[in-house]
C-alpha atoms as a PDB file:
ATOM      1  CA  MET A   1      -2.364  13.538   9.652  1.00  0.00           C
ATOM      2  CA  ALA A   2      -3.450  13.399  13.186  1.00  0.00           C
ATOM      3  CA  LEU A   3      -3.302  16.057  15.776  1.00  0.00           C
ATOM      4  CA  LYS A   4      -2.972  15.027  19.341  1.00  0.00           C
ATOM      5  CA  VAL A   5      -4.323  17.015  22.242  1.00  0.00           C
ATOM      6  CA  ASP A   6      -2.405  16.735  25.485  1.00  0.00           C
ATOM      7  CA  LEU A   7      -4.640  19.285  27.198  1.00  0.00           C
ATOM      8  CA  CYS A   8      -2.809  22.578  26.477  1.00  0.00           C
ATOM      9  CA  SER A   9      -4.176  25.984  25.387  1.00  0.00           C
ATOM     10  CA  VAL A  10      -3.420  26.201  21.719  1.00  0.00           C
ATOM     11  CA  MET A  11      -7.169  26.253  21.179  1.00  0.00           C
ATOM     12  CA  HIS A  12      -9.369  28.674  22.928  1.00  0.00           C
ATOM     13  CA  ALA A  13     -10.748  26.890  26.012  1.00  0.00           C
ATOM     14  CA  LYS A  14     -13.306  28.091  28.397  1.00  0.00           C
ATOM     15  CA  MET A  15     -14.465  26.273  31.545  1.00  0.00           C
ATOM     16  CA  LEU A  16     -16.547  26.687  34.656  1.00  0.00           C
ATOM     17  CA  PRO A  17     -16.779  24.183  37.562  1.00  0.00           C
ATOM     18  CA  GLY A  18     -19.695  21.836  36.944  1.00  0.00           C
ATOM     19  CA  LYS A  19     -19.920  22.891  33.298  1.00  0.00           C
ATOM     20  CA  GLY A  20     -18.477  21.489  30.070  1.00  0.00           C
ATOM     21  CA  LEU A  21     -15.169  22.449  28.543  1.00  0.00           C
ATOM     22  CA  GLY A  22     -15.552  23.737  25.047  1.00  0.00           C
ATOM     23  CA  PHE A  23     -12.770  23.925  22.484  1.00  0.00           C
ATOM     24  CA  ASN A  24     -12.643  26.105  19.397  1.00  0.00           C
ATOM     25  CA  HIS A  25      -9.863  26.202  16.893  1.00  0.00           C
ATOM     26  CA  SER A  26      -9.657  29.080  14.525  1.00  0.00           C
ATOM     27  CA  GLY A  27     -10.080  28.071  10.880  1.00  0.00           C
ATOM     28  CA  SER A  28     -12.361  25.200  11.661  1.00  0.00           C
ATOM     29  CA  GLN A  29     -15.284  24.241  13.814  1.00  0.00           C
ATOM     30  CA  ILE A  30     -14.436  21.821  16.615  1.00  0.00           C
ATOM     31  CA  PHE A  31     -16.567  21.405  19.618  1.00  0.00           C
ATOM     32  CA  THR A  32     -16.519  18.708  22.308  1.00  0.00           C
ATOM     33  CA  ASN A  33     -17.359  18.552  25.985  1.00  0.00           C
ATOM     34  CA  LEU A  34     -15.406  17.078  28.892  1.00  0.00           C
ATOM     35  CA  SER A  35     -17.791  16.587  31.787  1.00  0.00           C
ATOM     36  CA  LEU A  36     -16.422  18.155  35.021  1.00  0.00           C
ATOM     37  CA  GLY A  37     -17.844  17.629  38.501  1.00  0.00           C
ATOM     38  CA  LYS A  38     -18.920  20.529  40.536  1.00  0.00           C
ATOM     39  CA  ASN A  39     -15.834  20.456  42.661  1.00  0.00           C
ATOM     40  CA  ALA A  40     -13.500  19.849  39.776  1.00  0.00           C
ATOM     41  CA  PRO A  41     -10.485  22.139  39.693  1.00  0.00           C
ATOM     42  CA  THR A  42     -10.603  24.860  37.073  1.00  0.00           C
ATOM     43  CA  SER A  43      -6.983  24.348  36.003  1.00  0.00           C
ATOM     44  CA  LEU A  44      -6.185  21.578  33.515  1.00  0.00           C
ATOM     45  CA  PRO A  45      -2.923  20.159  32.190  1.00  0.00           C
ATOM     46  CA  CYS A  46      -1.637  21.733  28.987  1.00  0.00           C
ATOM     47  CA  LEU A  47      -3.659  21.342  25.777  1.00  0.00           C
ATOM     48  CA  SER A  48      -1.264  20.982  22.905  1.00  0.00           C
ATOM     49  CA  TRP A  49      -1.303  20.190  19.206  1.00  0.00           C
ATOM     50  CA  ARG A  50       1.185  17.753  17.929  1.00  0.00           C
ATOM     51  CA  ASN A  51       1.562  17.427  14.191  1.00  0.00           C
ATOM     52  CA  GLU A  52       1.425  13.728  13.470  1.00  0.00           C
ATOM     53  CA  LYS A  53       3.887  13.985  10.610  1.00  0.00           C
ATOM     54  CA  GLN A  54       5.997  12.748  13.360  1.00  0.00           C
ATOM     55  CA  HIS A  55       3.763   9.658  13.542  1.00  0.00           C
ATOM     56  CA  TYR A  56       3.815   9.135   9.767  1.00  0.00           C
ATOM     57  CA  ASN A  57       0.063   9.754   9.390  1.00  0.00           C
ATOM     58  CA  TYR A  58      -0.195  11.867   6.225  1.00  0.00           C
ATOM     59  CA  ASN A  59      -3.855  11.433   5.412  1.00  0.00           C
ATOM     60  CA  HIS A  60      -5.799  13.777   7.682  1.00  0.00           C
ATOM     61  CA  LYS A  61      -6.315  15.254  11.105  1.00  0.00           C
ATOM     62  CA  VAL A  62      -7.925  13.475  14.006  1.00  0.00           C
ATOM     63  CA  LEU A  63      -8.471  14.863  17.430  1.00  0.00           C
ATOM     64  CA  CYS A  64      -7.434  12.713  20.425  1.00  0.00           C
ATOM     65  CA  MET A  65      -8.022  13.672  24.000  1.00  0.00           C
ATOM     66  CA  SER A  66      -5.306  12.738  26.359  1.00  0.00           C
ATOM     67  CA  ALA A  67      -4.654  13.258  30.100  1.00  0.00           C
ATOM     68  CA  ARG A  68      -2.345  10.340  29.952  1.00  0.00           C
ATOM     69  CA  ARG A  69      -5.248   8.280  28.689  1.00  0.00           C
ATOM     70  CA  ALA A  70      -7.270   8.565  25.472  1.00  0.00           C
ATOM     71  CA  THR A  71     -10.849   9.569  25.709  1.00  0.00           C
ATOM     72  CA  LYS A  72     -13.318   9.080  22.899  1.00  0.00           C
ATOM     73  CA  LEU A  73     -15.138  12.150  21.497  1.00  0.00           C
ATOM     74  CA  ASN A  74     -18.831  12.347  20.902  1.00  0.00           C
ATOM     75  CA  ALA A  75     -18.392  13.804  17.450  1.00  0.00           C
ATOM     76  CA  VAL A  76     -18.389  11.406  14.564  1.00  0.00           C
ATOM     77  CA  VAL A  77     -16.641  13.850  12.236  1.00  0.00           C
ATOM     78  CA  ILE A  78     -13.979  16.189  13.457  1.00  0.00           C
ATOM     79  CA  PRO A  79     -13.043  18.752  10.788  1.00  0.00           C
ATOM     80  CA  LEU A  80      -9.670  20.079  11.828  1.00  0.00           C
ATOM     81  CA  GLU A  81      -8.526  22.416   8.996  1.00  0.00           C
ATOM     82  CA  ALA A  82      -5.835  24.986   8.529  1.00  0.00           C
ATOM     83  CA  GLY A  83      -5.114  27.021   5.401  1.00  0.00           C
ATOM     84  CA  ASP A  84      -5.431  25.184   2.132  1.00  0.00           C
ATOM     85  CA  THR A  85      -6.595  21.884   3.547  1.00  0.00           C
ATOM     86  CA  ARG A  86      -9.717  20.009   2.506  1.00  0.00           C
ATOM     87  CA  GLN A  87     -12.925  19.871   4.543  1.00  0.00           C
ATOM     88  CA  LEU A  88     -14.664  16.918   6.010  1.00  0.00           C
ATOM     89  CA  PRO A  89     -18.400  16.906   5.779  1.00  0.00           C
ATOM     90  CA  LEU A  90     -20.702  17.392   8.699  1.00  0.00           C
ATOM     91  CA  LYS A  91     -23.234  15.109   7.062  1.00  0.00           C
ATOM     92  CA  VAL A  92     -22.874  11.894   5.055  1.00  0.00           C
ATOM     93  CA  ASP A  93     -25.699  11.042   2.638  1.00  0.00           C
ATOM     94  CA  LYS A  94     -24.842   7.571   1.645  1.00  0.00           C
ATOM     95  CA  VAL A  95     -22.427   4.853   2.776  1.00  0.00           C
ATOM     96  CA  TYR A  96     -21.074   2.233   0.374  1.00  0.00           C
ATOM     97  CA  THR A  97     -19.784  -1.195   1.429  1.00  0.00           C
ATOM     98  CA  THR A  98     -16.666  -2.257  -0.515  1.00  0.00           C
ATOM     99  CA  THR A  99     -14.637  -5.460  -0.597  1.00  0.00           C
ATOM    100  CA  VAL A 100     -10.863  -5.630  -0.319  1.00  0.00           C
ATOM    101  CA  VAL A 101      -9.200  -6.907  -3.460  1.00  0.00           C
ATOM    102  CA  SER A 102      -5.558  -6.516  -2.384  1.00  0.00           C
ATOM    103  CA  VAL A 103      -3.196  -4.820  -0.078  1.00  0.00           C
ATOM    104  CA  LYS A 104       0.424  -4.216  -1.167  1.00  0.00           C
ATOM    105  CA  THR A 105       3.251  -2.616   0.643  1.00  0.00           C
ATOM    106  CA  LEU A 106       4.822   0.106  -1.453  1.00  0.00           C
ATOM    107  CA  ALA A 107       7.451   1.432   0.969  1.00  0.00           C
ATOM    108  CA  GLY A 108       8.439   1.495   4.586  1.00  0.00           C
ATOM    109  CA  PRO A 109       8.625  -1.393   7.151  1.00  0.00           C
ATOM    110  CA  LYS A 110       5.964  -4.023   6.507  1.00  0.00           C
ATOM    111  CA  GLY A 111       3.577  -4.014   9.490  1.00  0.00           C
ATOM    112  CA  GLY A 112       5.301  -1.096  11.111  1.00  0.00           C
ATOM    113  CA  ILE A 113       4.867   2.595  11.543  1.00  0.00           C
ATOM    114  CA  GLY A 114       5.619   4.395   8.309  1.00  0.00           C
ATOM    115  CA  GLU A 115       4.581   1.542   5.999  1.00  0.00           C
ATOM    116  CA  ILE A 116       2.765   2.764   2.906  1.00  0.00           C
ATOM    117  CA  CYS A 117       0.213   0.480   1.359  1.00  0.00           C
ATOM    118  CA  HIS A 118      -1.670   0.391  -1.989  1.00  0.00           C
ATOM    119  CA  ILE A 119      -5.150  -0.858  -1.213  1.00  0.00           C
ATOM    120  CA  VAL A 120      -7.642  -1.894  -3.922  1.00  0.00           C
ATOM    121  CA  LEU A 121     -11.369  -1.897  -3.009  1.00  0.00           C
ATOM    122  CA  ASN A 122     -14.160  -3.389  -5.163  1.00  0.00           C
ATOM    123  CA  HIS A 123     -17.288  -1.186  -5.060  1.00  0.00           C
ATOM    124  CA  GLY A 124     -19.101  -3.215  -7.761  1.00  0.00           C
ATOM    125  CA  GLY A 125     -19.552  -0.222 -10.071  1.00  0.00           C
ATOM    126  CA  LYS A 126     -21.695   1.622  -7.505  1.00  0.00           C
ATOM    127  CA  PHE A 127     -19.230   4.347  -6.472  1.00  0.00           C
ATOM    128  CA  SER A 128     -18.730   7.039  -9.090  1.00  0.00           C
ATOM    129  CA  PHE A 129     -15.968   9.586  -8.911  1.00  0.00           C
ATOM    130  CA  VAL A 130     -13.497  11.578 -11.004  1.00  0.00           C
ATOM    131  CA  GLU A 131      -9.771  11.754 -10.738  1.00  0.00           C
ATOM    132  CA  GLY A 132      -8.354  13.962  -8.026  1.00  0.00           C
ATOM    133  CA  GLN A 133     -11.311  13.559  -5.677  1.00  0.00           C
ATOM    134  CA  PHE A 134     -11.149  11.871  -2.262  1.00  0.00           C
ATOM    135  CA  LEU A 135     -13.425   9.775  -0.141  1.00  0.00           C
ATOM    136  CA  HIS A 136     -14.189   9.037   3.489  1.00  0.00           C
ATOM    137  CA  VAL A 137     -13.458   5.780   5.201  1.00  0.00           C
ATOM    138  CA  HIS A 138     -15.765   4.874   8.021  1.00  0.00           C
ATOM    139  CA  PHE A 139     -14.188   3.048  11.006  1.00  0.00           C
ATOM    140  CA  GLN A 140     -15.797   2.701  14.371  1.00  0.00           C
ATOM    141  CA  SER A 141     -17.087   6.228  15.164  1.00  0.00           C
ATOM    142  CA  VAL A 142     -14.387   8.003  13.026  1.00  0.00           C
ATOM    143  CA  LEU A 143     -14.670   9.347   9.594  1.00  0.00           C
ATOM    144  CA  ARG A 144     -11.312   9.869   7.761  1.00  0.00           C
ATOM    145  CA  ASP A 145     -10.565  11.150   4.281  1.00  0.00           C
ATOM    146  CA  PHE A 146      -8.193   9.579   1.729  1.00  0.00           C
ATOM    147  CA  SER A 147      -7.374  10.698  -1.819  1.00  0.00           C
ATOM    148  CA  ILE A 148      -8.302   8.200  -4.465  1.00  0.00           C
ATOM    149  CA  ALA A 149      -5.170   6.876  -6.181  1.00  0.00           C
ATOM    150  CA  SER A 150      -6.753   5.339  -9.336  1.00  0.00           C
ATOM    151  CA  SER A 151      -8.607   6.531 -12.364  1.00  0.00           C
ATOM    152  CA  ARG A 152     -12.423   6.514 -12.243  1.00  0.00           C
ATOM    153  CA  ASN A 153     -12.269   3.056 -13.840  1.00  0.00           C
ATOM    154  CA  GLY A 154      -9.877   1.616 -11.241  1.00  0.00           C
ATOM    155  CA  ASP A 155      -6.496   0.010 -11.718  1.00  0.00           C
ATOM    156  CA  SER A 156      -7.986  -2.734 -13.853  1.00  0.00           C
ATOM    157  CA  PHE A 157     -10.050  -0.110 -15.809  1.00  0.00           C
ATOM    158  CA  ASP A 158     -13.267  -2.084 -15.623  1.00  0.00           C
ATOM    159  CA  GLY A 159     -15.177   0.495 -13.514  1.00  0.00           C
ATOM    160  CA  GLN A 160     -15.395  -1.887 -10.530  1.00  0.00           C
ATOM    161  CA  THR A 161     -12.583  -0.891  -8.242  1.00  0.00           C
ATOM    162  CA  LEU A 162     -10.724   2.057  -6.769  1.00  0.00           C
ATOM    163  CA  SER A 163      -7.383   2.343  -5.000  1.00  0.00           C
ATOM    164  CA  LEU A 164      -6.055   4.158  -1.900  1.00  0.00           C
ATOM    165  CA  CYS A 165      -2.504   5.053  -0.909  1.00  0.00           C
ATOM    166  CA  VAL A 166      -2.304   4.771   2.884  1.00  0.00           C
ATOM    167  CA  ARG A 167       0.527   5.406   5.263  1.00  0.00           C
ATOM    168  CA  ARG A 168       0.318   3.563   8.605  1.00  0.00           C
ATOM    169  CA  ALA A 169       0.274   6.281  11.289  1.00  0.00           C
ATOM    170  CA  ASP A 170       0.578   4.074  14.365  1.00  0.00           C
ATOM    171  CA  LEU A 171      -0.187   0.612  15.580  1.00  0.00           C
ATOM    172  CA  THR A 172      -3.225   1.335  17.867  1.00  0.00           C
ATOM    173  CA  GLU A 173      -6.571  -0.367  17.350  1.00  0.00           C
ATOM    174  CA  GLU A 174      -8.159   3.100  17.038  1.00  0.00           C
ATOM    175  CA  SER A 175      -6.009   4.099  14.105  1.00  0.00           C
ATOM    176  CA  VAL A 176      -7.845   4.222  10.716  1.00  0.00           C
ATOM    177  CA  SER A 177      -4.612   3.892   8.777  1.00  0.00           C
ATOM    178  CA  ASN A 178      -3.549   0.919  10.853  1.00  0.00           C
ATOM    179  CA  TYR A 179      -6.923  -0.664  10.231  1.00  0.00           C
ATOM    180  CA  LEU A 180      -6.661  -0.210   6.527  1.00  0.00           C
ATOM    181  CA  CYS A 181      -3.051  -1.434   6.233  1.00  0.00           C
ATOM    182  CA  ASN A 182      -4.072  -4.593   8.192  1.00  0.00           C
ATOM    183  CA  LEU A 183      -6.910  -5.420   5.840  1.00  0.00           C
ATOM    184  CA  LYS A 184      -6.982  -8.739   3.961  1.00  0.00           C
ATOM    185  CA  PRO A 185      -8.646  -9.712   0.648  1.00  0.00           C
ATOM    186  CA  GLY A 186     -12.333 -10.308   1.290  1.00  0.00           C
ATOM    187  CA  ASP A 187     -12.622  -7.841   4.163  1.00  0.00           C
ATOM    188  CA  GLU A 188     -15.282  -5.163   3.965  1.00  0.00           C
ATOM    189  CA  VAL A 189     -14.664  -1.452   4.189  1.00  0.00           C
ATOM    190  CA  GLN A 190     -17.419   1.298   4.345  1.00  0.00           C
ATOM    191  CA  ILE A 191     -16.744   4.455   2.422  1.00  0.00           C
ATOM    192  CA  SER A 192     -18.671   7.563   1.506  1.00  0.00           C
ATOM    193  CA  GLY A 193     -18.301  10.473  -0.912  1.00  0.00           C
ATOM    194  CA  PRO A 194     -16.741  11.246  -3.245  1.00  0.00           C
ATOM    195  CA  VAL A 195     -15.717  14.768  -2.424  1.00  0.00           C
ATOM    196  CA  ASP A 196     -14.463  17.367  -4.871  1.00  0.00           C
ATOM    197  CA  GLY A 197     -10.833  18.236  -4.134  1.00  0.00           C
ATOM    198  CA  LYS A 198      -8.426  20.902  -5.348  1.00  0.00           C
ATOM    199  CA  MET A 199      -6.524  18.122  -7.195  1.00  0.00           C
ATOM    200  CA  VAL A 200      -9.254  17.602  -9.793  1.00  0.00           C
ATOM    201  CA  PHE A 201      -7.736  18.710 -13.058  1.00  0.00           C
ATOM    202  CA  VAL A 202      -9.545  21.419 -14.884  1.00  0.00           C
ATOM    203  CA  GLN A 203     -11.421  20.090 -17.899  1.00  0.00           C
ATOM    204  CA  GLU A 204      -9.846  21.868 -20.829  1.00  0.00           C
ATOM    205  CA  PRO A 205      -8.852  21.304 -24.479  1.00  0.00           C
ATOM    206  CA  PRO A 206      -5.809  19.093 -24.984  1.00  0.00           C
ATOM    207  CA  GLU A 207      -3.393  21.980 -24.779  1.00  0.00           C
ATOM    208  CA  GLY A 208      -3.996  22.296 -21.018  1.00  0.00           C
ATOM    209  CA  LYS A 209      -0.771  22.018 -18.972  1.00  0.00           C
ATOM    210  CA  HIS A 210      -0.652  20.552 -15.453  1.00  0.00           C
ATOM    211  CA  ILE A 211       2.426  20.819 -13.114  1.00  0.00           C
ATOM    212  CA  MET A 212       2.220  18.519 -10.102  1.00  0.00           C
ATOM    213  CA  VAL A 213       4.380  18.641  -6.929  1.00  0.00           C
ATOM    214  CA  GLY A 214       3.719  15.871  -4.459  1.00  0.00           C
ATOM    215  CA  THR A 215       5.372  14.323  -1.423  1.00  0.00           C
ATOM    216  CA  ALA A 216       4.670  11.034   0.384  1.00  0.00           C
ATOM    217  CA  THR A 217       1.003   9.935  -0.036  1.00  0.00           C
ATOM    218  CA  GLY A 218       0.236  13.326  -1.567  1.00  0.00           C
ATOM    219  CA  ILE A 219       1.210  11.536  -4.784  1.00  0.00           C
ATOM    220  CA  ALA A 220      -2.166   9.699  -4.763  1.00  0.00           C
ATOM    221  CA  PRO A 221      -4.397  12.274  -6.580  1.00  0.00           C
ATOM    222  CA  PHE A 222      -1.627  12.739  -9.157  1.00  0.00           C
ATOM    223  CA  ARG A 223      -1.462   9.019  -9.861  1.00  0.00           C
ATOM    224  CA  SER A 224      -5.259   9.148 -10.280  1.00  0.00           C
ATOM    225  CA  ASN A 225      -5.024  11.938 -12.878  1.00  0.00           C
ATOM    226  CA  LEU A 226      -2.058  10.465 -14.667  1.00  0.00           C
ATOM    227  CA  GLN A 227      -3.794   7.126 -15.030  1.00  0.00           C
ATOM    228  CA  ARG A 228      -6.718   8.877 -16.645  1.00  0.00           C
ATOM    229  CA  LEU A 229      -4.469  10.977 -19.012  1.00  0.00           C
ATOM    230  CA  PHE A 230      -2.061   8.278 -20.091  1.00  0.00           C
ATOM    231  CA  VAL A 231      -2.985   4.747 -19.006  1.00  0.00           C
ATOM    232  CA  ASP A 232      -6.797   4.231 -18.908  1.00  0.00           C
ATOM    233  CA  PRO A 233      -7.721   2.864 -22.390  1.00  0.00           C
ATOM    234  CA  ASN A 234     -11.265   4.198 -21.911  1.00  0.00           C
ATOM    235  CA  SER A 235     -10.323   7.823 -21.372  1.00  0.00           C
ATOM    236  CA  GLY A 236      -9.976   8.944 -25.031  1.00  0.00           C
ATOM    237  CA  VAL A 237      -7.698  11.836 -23.937  1.00  0.00           C
ATOM    238  CA  THR A 238      -5.507  13.402 -26.654  1.00  0.00           C
ATOM    239  CA  PHE A 239      -2.746  16.034 -26.295  1.00  0.00           C
ATOM    240  CA  ASN A 240      -0.989  18.886 -28.013  1.00  0.00           C
ATOM    241  CA  GLY A 241       2.600  19.017 -26.620  1.00  0.00           C
ATOM    242  CA  LEU A 242       3.379  18.792 -22.938  1.00  0.00           C
ATOM    243  CA  ALA A 243       0.282  17.856 -20.841  1.00  0.00           C
ATOM    244  CA  ALA A 244       1.740  17.019 -17.454  1.00  0.00           C
ATOM    245  CA  TRP A 245       4.847  17.417 -15.388  1.00  0.00           C
ATOM    246  CA  LEU A 246       5.316  15.571 -12.084  1.00  0.00           C
ATOM    247  CA  ILE A 247       7.848  16.444  -9.374  1.00  0.00           C
ATOM    248  CA  SER A 248       7.760  13.659  -6.889  1.00  0.00           C
ATOM    249  CA  GLY A 249       9.417  14.245  -3.506  1.00  0.00           C
ATOM    250  CA  ALA A 250      10.780  11.340  -1.438  1.00  0.00           C
ATOM    251  CA  ASP A 251      13.593  10.624   1.040  1.00  0.00           C
ATOM    252  CA  ASP A 252      15.302   8.170  -1.326  1.00  0.00           C
ATOM    253  CA  TYR A 253      14.665   5.780  -4.213  1.00  0.00           C
ATOM    254  CA  ASN A 254      13.242   3.171  -1.897  1.00  0.00           C
ATOM    255  CA  SER A 255      10.504   5.614  -0.742  1.00  0.00           C
ATOM    256  CA  LEU A 256       9.489   6.846  -4.219  1.00  0.00           C
ATOM    257  CA  LEU A 257       5.866   5.871  -4.722  1.00  0.00           C
ATOM    258  CA  TYR A 258       4.714   4.335  -8.066  1.00  0.00           C
ATOM    259  CA  ASP A 259       8.135   5.168  -9.542  1.00  0.00           C
ATOM    260  CA  ASN A 260       7.992   2.324 -12.066  1.00  0.00           C
ATOM    261  CA  GLU A 261       4.622   3.349 -13.234  1.00  0.00           C
ATOM    262  CA  PHE A 262       5.547   7.021 -13.708  1.00  0.00           C
ATOM    263  CA  THR A 263       8.807   5.963 -15.451  1.00  0.00           C
ATOM    264  CA  GLN A 264       6.868   3.790 -17.918  1.00  0.00           C
ATOM    265  CA  ILE A 265       4.341   6.605 -18.596  1.00  0.00           C
ATOM    266  CA  GLU A 266       7.191   8.972 -19.426  1.00  0.00           C
ATOM    267  CA  LYS A 267       8.793   6.298 -21.685  1.00  0.00           C
ATOM    268  CA  ASP A 268       5.542   5.846 -23.535  1.00  0.00           C
ATOM    269  CA  ASN A 269       4.601   9.521 -23.636  1.00  0.00           C
ATOM    270  CA  SER A 270       7.924  11.384 -23.563  1.00  0.00           C
ATOM    271  CA  TYR A 271       6.515  14.270 -25.640  1.00  0.00           C
ATOM    272  CA  HIS A 272       3.511  14.771 -23.375  1.00  0.00           C
ATOM    273  CA  PHE A 273       4.741  13.848 -19.858  1.00  0.00           C
ATOM    274  CA  LYS A 274       7.820  14.888 -17.787  1.00  0.00           C
ATOM    275  CA  TYR A 275       8.686  12.899 -14.622  1.00  0.00           C
ATOM    276  CA  GLN A 276      11.162  14.427 -12.181  1.00  0.00           C
ATOM    277  CA  ARG A 277      12.315  12.738  -8.971  1.00  0.00           C
ATOM    278  CA  ALA A 278      13.191  15.054  -6.050  1.00  0.00           C
ATOM    279  CA  LEU A 279      15.119  12.875  -3.625  1.00  0.00           C
ATOM    280  CA  ASN A 280      15.891  14.020  -0.145  1.00  0.00           C
ATOM    281  CA  ASN A 281      12.469  15.807  -0.475  1.00  0.00           C
ATOM    282  CA  SER A 282      14.316  18.548  -2.452  1.00  0.00           C
ATOM    283  CA  VAL A 283      11.233  19.697  -4.285  1.00  0.00           C
ATOM    284  CA  ASP A 284      12.206  23.296  -3.923  1.00  0.00           C
ATOM    285  CA  ASP A 285      15.581  22.536  -5.693  1.00  0.00           C
ATOM    286  CA  SER A 286      13.709  20.737  -8.449  1.00  0.00           C
ATOM    287  CA  ILE A 287      11.440  23.733  -8.969  1.00  0.00           C
ATOM    288  CA  TYR A 288      14.432  26.085  -9.092  1.00  0.00           C
ATOM    289  CA  GLU A 289      16.111  23.762 -11.604  1.00  0.00           C
ATOM    290  CA  GLY A 290      13.030  24.008 -13.839  1.00  0.00           C
ATOM    291  CA  ARG A 291      12.294  27.630 -13.051  1.00  0.00           C
ATOM    292  CA  ASP A 292      12.382  29.058 -16.586  1.00  0.00           C
ATOM    293  CA  GLU A 293       9.928  26.417 -17.981  1.00  0.00           C
ATOM    294  CA  ILE A 294       7.634  26.529 -14.963  1.00  0.00           C
ATOM    295  CA  PHE A 295       7.277  30.330 -15.117  1.00  0.00           C
ATOM    296  CA  ARG A 296       6.746  30.246 -18.834  1.00  0.00           C
ATOM    297  CA  LEU A 297       4.090  27.595 -18.494  1.00  0.00           C
ATOM    298  CA  LEU A 298       2.328  29.494 -15.589  1.00  0.00           C
ATOM    299  CA  ASN A 299       2.375  32.663 -17.641  1.00  0.00           C
ATOM    300  CA  GLY A 300       0.831  30.699 -20.440  1.00  0.00           C
ATOM    301  CA  GLY A 301      -2.112  29.557 -18.281  1.00  0.00           C
ATOM    302  CA  ALA A 302      -0.781  26.296 -16.843  1.00  0.00           C
ATOM    303  CA  TYR A 303      -2.105  24.873 -13.597  1.00  0.00           C
ATOM    304  CA  ILE A 304       0.160  23.950 -10.700  1.00  0.00           C
ATOM    305  CA  TYR A 305      -0.837  21.566  -7.957  1.00  0.00           C
ATOM    306  CA  PHE A 306       0.817  20.844  -4.559  1.00  0.00           C
ATOM    307  CA  ALA A 307      -0.204  17.854  -2.412  1.00  0.00           C
ATOM    308  CA  GLY A 308       1.397  16.289   0.645  1.00  0.00           C
ATOM    309  CA  SER A 309       2.792  17.492   3.977  1.00  0.00           C
ATOM    310  CA  LYS A 310       2.137  21.153   4.605  1.00  0.00           C
ATOM    311  CA  SER A 311       5.838  21.372   5.855  1.00  0.00           C
ATOM    312  CA  MET A 312       6.899  21.452   2.207  1.00  0.00           C
ATOM    313  CA  MET A 313       5.056  24.726   1.412  1.00  0.00           C
ATOM    314  CA  PRO A 314       7.209  27.331   3.187  1.00  0.00           C
ATOM    315  CA  GLU A 315      10.309  26.322   1.238  1.00  0.00           C
ATOM    316  CA  ILE A 316       8.352  26.123  -1.975  1.00  0.00           C
ATOM    317  CA  LEU A 317       6.969  29.607  -1.537  1.00  0.00           C
ATOM    318  CA  GLU A 318      10.487  30.875  -0.714  1.00  0.00           C
ATOM    319  CA  ILE A 319      11.866  29.366  -3.898  1.00  0.00           C
ATOM    320  CA  PHE A 320       9.111  30.887  -6.019  1.00  0.00           C
ATOM    321  CA  GLU A 321       9.738  34.301  -4.516  1.00  0.00           C
ATOM    322  CA  LYS A 322      13.485  33.891  -5.205  1.00  0.00           C
ATOM    323  CA  ILE A 323      12.833  32.955  -8.841  1.00  0.00           C
ATOM    324  CA  ALA A 324      10.429  35.901  -9.250  1.00  0.00           C
ATOM    325  CA  GLN A 325      13.059  38.320  -7.776  1.00  0.00           C
ATOM    326  CA  GLU A 326      15.645  37.075 -10.273  1.00  0.00           C
ATOM    327  CA  LYS A 327      13.218  37.564 -13.080  1.00  0.00           C
ATOM    328  CA  GLY A 328      12.141  40.953 -11.864  1.00  0.00           C
ATOM    329  CA  VAL A 329       8.609  39.790 -11.204  1.00  0.00           C
ATOM    330  CA  ASP A 330       6.366  40.961  -8.397  1.00  0.00           C
ATOM    331  CA  TRP A 331       5.738  37.574  -6.785  1.00  0.00           C
ATOM    332  CA  LYS A 332       2.830  38.614  -4.429  1.00  0.00           C
ATOM    333  CA  GLU A 333       0.963  40.027  -7.457  1.00  0.00           C
ATOM    334  CA  MET A 334       1.726  36.969  -9.617  1.00  0.00           C
ATOM    335  CA  LEU A 335       0.619  34.632  -6.857  1.00  0.00           C
ATOM    336  CA  ARG A 336      -2.532  36.592  -6.341  1.00  0.00           C
ATOM    337  CA  LYS A 337      -3.426  36.302 -10.026  1.00  0.00           C
ATOM    338  CA  LEU A 338      -2.615  32.592 -10.051  1.00  0.00           C
ATOM    339  CA  LYS A 339      -4.972  31.957  -7.173  1.00  0.00           C
ATOM    340  CA  GLN A 340      -7.629  34.198  -8.643  1.00  0.00           C
ATOM    341  CA  ASN A 341      -7.508  32.249 -11.925  1.00  0.00           C
ATOM    342  CA  GLY A 342      -7.512  28.964 -10.162  1.00  0.00           C
ATOM    343  CA  GLN A 343      -4.025  28.021 -11.428  1.00  0.00           C
ATOM    344  CA  TRP A 344      -2.450  27.612  -8.020  1.00  0.00           C
ATOM    345  CA  ARG A 345      -3.886  24.693  -6.106  1.00  0.00           C
ATOM    346  CA  VAL A 346      -2.802  23.403  -2.678  1.00  0.00           C
ATOM    347  CA  GLU A 347      -4.023  20.456  -0.694  1.00  0.00           C
ATOM    348  CA  VAL A 348      -1.831  19.829   2.364  1.00  0.00           C
ATOM    349  CA  TYR A 349      -2.342  18.085   5.710  1.00  0.00           C
END
């Protein structure tokens, strides 16, 4: 998810004539310089953040400088973070060259803004990761992070590939998501990582329970974990009772991602997996509908994961507080304990 800077003071800005302009955003470390001449005016147009959910870029945050024209930044990596978001590295140790196997449109207008693509990359068995992690795609001078959408053995389970779920943010040549969605079989893509994310399932005995709430491309790490649990023939995972419960938020049936796959998993593992569609992005309604079982599972030590647009979290927190009040539970104290125990995990952008 990109953030666009129109030159307005949402960040702290300090400037002197003939000096550089430094930006610092609380919650992250962002520094860049705009060179100003000695006689340059000390007033600038407004510096504003625009949440690129409006631009359908759900993967991470990129800083663009605009005074009616884009200006490239010197920084290779720009870690814009807020709250429970993941961190980009300041240093990359190794870069891997992968080859595109396929690019498939899952939802949205093909070739247009909002298109969501499933991209399979062949790394030749050299890139090792676990389910729930994310990686970095290197494009021009930009480093962008994307959750891995396949199990550690790839969609073909041969250990040679991995998959990404990418939403096309815009149609510019500088857009990483546009670059990825335009790839063709045989093209090369540079990646680095992997990086541990909050969506990595806790390694526990088979009785571990995992509740997942995802919207848009936030479904990627959940698909990764579900492949490992139920589809990958090399996983050797066994269960006692319910192992996973997925609540998938989407505008409508046409925008549900991997719906056929999750439906088949539920059909084959009805005792161990529950799949719930939340159309019109009504994830809060779905949580309320399953409130008794969700609270019972959380009180029993289950883990709950949230991934997707950060705009979903306020309503989710409100519905949990409402349920807690109905049950006579101190929600603030319950949430504090869940976070302390690592049971409450959020990765939003």
